[in-house]
N, C-alpha and C. Protein backbone atom coordinates (compact mmCIF):
# COMPACT_ATOMS: atom_id res chain seq x y z
N PHE A 1 -7.25 -2.84 -10.83
CA PHE A 1 -6.64 -2.92 -10.09
C PHE A 1 -5.54 -3.90 -10.93
N HIS A 2 -3.91 -3.32 -10.36
CA HIS A 2 -2.98 -3.74 -10.85
C HIS A 2 -1.80 -4.23 -9.54
N ALA A 3 -2.07 -5.93 -9.58
CA ALA A 3 -1.14 -6.17 -8.26
C ALA A 3 -0.20 -7.13 -8.74
N GLU A 4 0.62 -6.99 -7.45
CA GLU A 4 1.89 -8.11 -7.98
C GLU A 4 2.21 -8.61 -6.90
N VAL A 5 3.11 -9.46 -6.63
CA VAL A 5 3.53 -10.45 -5.30
C VAL A 5 5.12 -10.53 -5.86
N ARG A 6 6.26 -10.88 -4.82
CA ARG A 6 7.30 -11.52 -4.93
C ARG A 6 7.49 -11.96 -4.00
N LYS A 7 8.75 -13.03 -3.50
CA LYS A 7 8.82 -13.68 -2.54
C LYS A 7 9.67 -12.97 -1.43
N ALA A 8 9.24 -13.13 -0.46
CA ALA A 8 9.39 -12.45 1.02
C ALA A 8 10.98 -12.93 1.51
N PRO A 9 12.08 -11.71 1.27
CA PRO A 9 13.41 -12.11 1.75
C PRO A 9 13.61 -13.13 3.27
N THR A 10 12.33 -13.12 4.14
CA THR A 10 12.37 -13.82 5.57
C THR A 10 12.50 -15.35 5.11
N VAL A 11 11.78 -15.58 3.85
CA VAL A 11 11.82 -17.42 4.00
C VAL A 11 13.08 -17.78 3.52
N ASP A 12 14.04 -17.68 3.02
CA ASP A 12 14.94 -17.65 2.83
C ASP A 12 16.60 -16.69 3.07
N GLY A 13 15.86 -15.63 3.63
CA GLY A 13 17.43 -14.61 3.36
C GLY A 13 17.93 -14.25 1.84
N LYS A 14 17.07 -14.49 1.21
CA LYS A 14 17.31 -13.61 -0.26
C LYS A 14 16.40 -13.22 -0.78
N VAL A 15 16.75 -11.51 -2.06
CA VAL A 15 16.41 -11.16 -2.46
C VAL A 15 16.04 -11.71 -4.00
N ASN A 16 15.16 -11.93 -4.82
CA ASN A 16 15.05 -12.68 -6.39
C ASN A 16 15.21 -11.20 -7.28
N ARG A 17 16.16 -11.35 -7.74
CA ARG A 17 16.71 -10.05 -8.87
C ARG A 17 17.13 -10.51 -10.21
N SER A 18 15.85 -9.50 -10.89
CA SER A 18 16.39 -9.76 -12.90
C SER A 18 17.66 -9.77 -12.88
N LYS A 19 17.83 -9.82 -14.24
CA LYS A 19 19.61 -9.75 -14.77
C LYS A 19 19.96 -7.63 -14.54
N ASP A 20 18.93 -7.40 -14.23
CA ASP A 20 19.30 -5.70 -14.23
C ASP A 20 18.69 -5.19 -13.09
N GLY A 21 18.59 -6.42 -11.65
CA GLY A 21 19.51 -5.68 -10.56
C GLY A 21 17.63 -5.57 -9.81
N LYS A 22 16.26 -5.43 -10.85
CA LYS A 22 15.27 -5.33 -10.24
C LYS A 22 14.86 -6.43 -9.20
N GLU A 23 14.07 -6.43 -8.09
CA GLU A 23 13.32 -7.55 -7.73
C GLU A 23 12.00 -7.99 -8.55
N ILE A 24 12.41 -9.43 -9.12
CA ILE A 24 11.22 -9.81 -9.63
C ILE A 24 10.14 -10.10 -8.95
N ARG A 25 9.30 -9.66 -9.65
CA ARG A 25 7.68 -9.84 -9.38
C ARG A 25 6.75 -10.40 -9.94
N TYR A 26 5.61 -11.06 -9.83
CA TYR A 26 4.67 -11.53 -10.55
C TYR A 26 3.51 -10.55 -10.04
N PRO A 27 2.07 -11.01 -11.15
CA PRO A 27 1.47 -10.66 -11.38
C PRO A 27 0.25 -11.63 -10.45
N VAL A 28 -0.72 -10.73 -9.55
CA VAL A 28 -1.42 -11.76 -9.23
C VAL A 28 -2.64 -11.21 -8.67
N ILE A 29 -3.61 -12.00 -7.91
CA ILE A 29 -5.12 -11.16 -8.75
C ILE A 29 -5.73 -11.17 -7.24
N LEU A 30 -6.39 -9.91 -6.66
CA LEU A 30 -6.63 -10.01 -5.69
C LEU A 30 -7.97 -10.65 -5.44
N SER A 31 -8.06 -10.80 -3.75
CA SER A 31 -9.20 -11.10 -3.60
C SER A 31 -10.26 -10.01 -2.95
N GLU A 32 -11.73 -10.26 -2.82
CA GLU A 32 -12.64 -9.34 -2.97
C GLU A 32 -12.67 -8.71 -1.93
N ALA A 33 -11.77 -9.18 -0.91
CA ALA A 33 -11.54 -8.65 0.47
C ALA A 33 -10.15 -7.50 0.32
N GLU A 34 -9.56 -7.76 -0.26
CA GLU A 34 -8.07 -6.75 -0.93
C GLU A 34 -8.89 -5.75 -1.83
N LYS A 35 -9.61 -6.10 -2.96
CA LYS A 35 -9.93 -5.19 -3.72
C LYS A 35 -10.78 -3.92 -2.95
N VAL A 36 -11.45 -4.62 -1.67
CA VAL A 36 -12.06 -3.24 -0.66
C VAL A 36 -11.65 -2.50 -0.37
N ILE A 37 -10.57 -3.25 0.50
CA ILE A 37 -8.98 -2.33 0.90
C ILE A 37 -8.22 -1.17 0.14
N SER A 38 -8.23 -1.80 -1.53
CA SER A 38 -7.66 -0.86 -2.17
C SER A 38 -8.41 -0.09 -2.55
N ALA A 39 -9.60 -0.30 -2.48
CA ALA A 39 -10.40 0.92 -3.15
C ALA A 39 -10.58 1.90 -1.93
N LEU A 40 -10.65 1.63 -0.58
CA LEU A 40 -10.65 2.55 0.50
C LEU A 40 -9.74 3.38 0.61
N ILE A 41 -8.42 2.76 0.46
CA ILE A 41 -6.75 3.27 0.57
C ILE A 41 -6.83 4.63 -0.55
N VAL A 42 -7.39 4.27 -1.89
CA VAL A 42 -7.89 5.12 -3.13
C VAL A 42 -8.72 6.42 -2.10
N LYS A 43 -9.78 6.22 -1.71
CA LYS A 43 -10.46 7.16 -1.60
C LYS A 43 -10.41 8.09 -0.53
N ALA A 44 -9.19 7.42 0.33
CA ALA A 44 -8.61 7.89 1.61
C ALA A 44 -7.78 8.98 1.64
N PHE A 45 -6.72 8.82 0.47
CA PHE A 45 -5.56 9.20 0.37
C PHE A 45 -5.88 10.32 -1.31
N ARG A 46 -7.23 10.11 -1.54
CA ARG A 46 -7.55 11.14 -2.82
C ARG A 46 -6.65 11.27 -4.02
N GLN A 47 -6.16 9.82 -4.19
CA GLN A 47 -5.22 9.75 -5.12
C GLN A 47 -5.37 8.59 -6.21
N THR A 48 -5.47 8.48 -7.55
CA THR A 48 -5.75 7.34 -8.65
C THR A 48 -5.38 6.45 -8.45
N VAL A 49 -4.32 6.51 -8.01
CA VAL A 49 -2.77 5.40 -8.20
C VAL A 49 -1.70 5.42 -7.21
N CYS A 50 -1.97 4.16 -6.46
CA CYS A 50 -0.83 4.40 -5.23
C CYS A 50 -0.34 3.40 -4.99
N GLY A 51 0.68 2.90 -4.69
CA GLY A 51 1.21 1.56 -4.27
C GLY A 51 0.90 1.46 -2.66
N PHE A 52 0.38 0.23 -2.27
CA PHE A 52 1.28 -0.46 -0.92
C PHE A 52 1.16 -1.95 -0.78
N ASP A 53 2.11 -2.49 0.58
CA ASP A 53 1.95 -3.22 0.59
C ASP A 53 1.27 -4.05 1.52
N ILE A 54 1.01 -5.25 0.93
CA ILE A 54 -0.88 -6.07 1.91
C ILE A 54 0.41 -7.47 2.25
N LEU A 55 0.14 -7.97 3.91
CA LEU A 55 0.77 -8.95 4.33
C LEU A 55 -0.37 -9.99 3.65
N ARG A 56 -0.20 -10.97 3.09
CA ARG A 56 -1.14 -12.26 3.51
C ARG A 56 -0.98 -13.36 4.61
N THR A 57 -1.79 -13.99 5.17
CA THR A 57 -1.71 -14.96 6.35
C THR A 57 -2.26 -15.78 6.01
N ASN A 58 -2.96 -17.00 6.68
CA ASN A 58 -3.88 -17.57 6.78
C ASN A 58 -5.22 -16.93 7.82
N GLY A 59 -5.20 -15.99 8.27
CA GLY A 59 -5.90 -15.06 8.78
C GLY A 59 -6.50 -13.85 8.45
N GLY A 60 -6.24 -13.42 7.26
CA GLY A 60 -6.47 -12.93 6.39
C GLY A 60 -5.31 -11.45 5.41
N SER A 61 -5.59 -10.45 5.28
CA SER A 61 -5.06 -9.79 4.69
C SER A 61 -5.03 -8.41 5.63
N MET A 62 -3.38 -7.50 5.52
CA MET A 62 -3.47 -6.61 6.20
C MET A 62 -2.47 -5.26 5.68
N VAL A 63 -2.96 -4.56 5.37
CA VAL A 63 -1.79 -3.50 4.94
C VAL A 63 -1.01 -3.22 6.03
N CYS A 64 0.39 -3.27 5.44
CA CYS A 64 1.48 -2.91 6.86
C CYS A 64 2.19 -1.76 6.27
N ASP A 65 1.89 -0.85 4.60
CA ASP A 65 2.49 0.22 3.91
C ASP A 65 1.73 1.16 2.95
N VAL A 66 1.79 2.21 3.23
CA VAL A 66 1.28 2.68 1.84
C VAL A 66 2.12 3.85 1.25
N ASN A 67 2.45 3.89 -0.03
CA ASN A 67 3.41 4.16 -0.68
C ASN A 67 2.05 5.69 -1.49
N GLY A 68 3.13 6.69 -1.71
CA GLY A 68 2.31 7.66 -2.64
C GLY A 68 2.07 7.54 -4.07
N TRP A 69 2.88 8.30 -4.75
CA TRP A 69 2.92 7.40 -5.89
C TRP A 69 3.40 6.03 -6.75
N SER A 70 2.95 5.38 -7.41
CA SER A 70 3.43 4.25 -7.48
C SER A 70 3.84 4.23 -8.65
N PHE A 71 4.99 3.53 -9.05
CA PHE A 71 5.70 3.18 -10.57
C PHE A 71 6.44 1.71 -10.84
N VAL A 72 6.03 0.88 -11.43
CA VAL A 72 6.37 -0.16 -11.21
C VAL A 72 7.39 -0.34 -12.70
N LYS A 73 8.75 -0.26 -12.58
CA LYS A 73 9.28 0.21 -13.73
C LYS A 73 9.30 -1.42 -14.50
N GLY A 74 9.68 -1.26 -15.93
CA GLY A 74 9.70 -2.46 -16.72
C GLY A 74 8.61 -3.34 -17.03
N ASN A 75 7.70 -3.16 -16.68
CA ASN A 75 6.32 -4.06 -16.56
C ASN A 75 5.38 -4.06 -17.30
N GLN A 76 5.01 -4.29 -18.19
CA GLN A 76 4.16 -3.51 -19.08
C GLN A 76 2.61 -3.43 -19.36
N LYS A 77 2.62 -4.66 -17.88
CA LYS A 77 1.14 -4.64 -18.05
C LYS A 77 0.68 -3.89 -16.65
N TYR A 78 1.31 -3.16 -16.33
CA TYR A 78 1.17 -2.13 -15.49
C TYR A 78 1.14 -0.56 -16.16
N TYR A 79 1.70 -0.42 -17.01
CA TYR A 79 1.41 0.72 -17.92
C TYR A 79 -0.36 0.38 -18.87
N ASP A 80 -0.89 -1.13 -19.17
CA ASP A 80 -1.79 -1.39 -19.53
C ASP A 80 -2.86 -0.74 -18.97
N ASP A 81 -2.64 -1.38 -17.27
CA ASP A 81 -3.72 -1.69 -16.15
C ASP A 81 -3.73 0.69 -16.32
N PHE A 82 -3.14 0.94 -16.37
CA PHE A 82 -3.01 2.30 -15.67
C PHE A 82 -3.57 2.66 -17.01
N ALA A 83 -3.43 2.53 -18.16
CA ALA A 83 -4.21 3.38 -19.05
C ALA A 83 -5.53 3.37 -19.37
N GLU A 84 -6.00 2.11 -18.49
CA GLU A 84 -7.62 1.94 -18.55
C GLU A 84 -7.98 2.87 -17.64
N LEU A 85 -7.14 3.59 -16.59
CA LEU A 85 -8.16 4.26 -15.90
C LEU A 85 -8.50 5.16 -16.46
């Protein structure tokens, strides 16, 4: 699994961006429940690599968007994780 987190713009109305204009994201460890959700999404879409958004709340995690091919630009860990597939 490869997962990243970002600050939601709803917190303060701002999107944190790097010098080259890309949204700043940080590595995050998925919970066991989120890993199960991830595996179900991959199986349902029959796609080994895909991206999706999870909203985390005190009540748990919820998938709010599933994207096709995932492509994380400028993140070497993403490519290293991908190479292990």
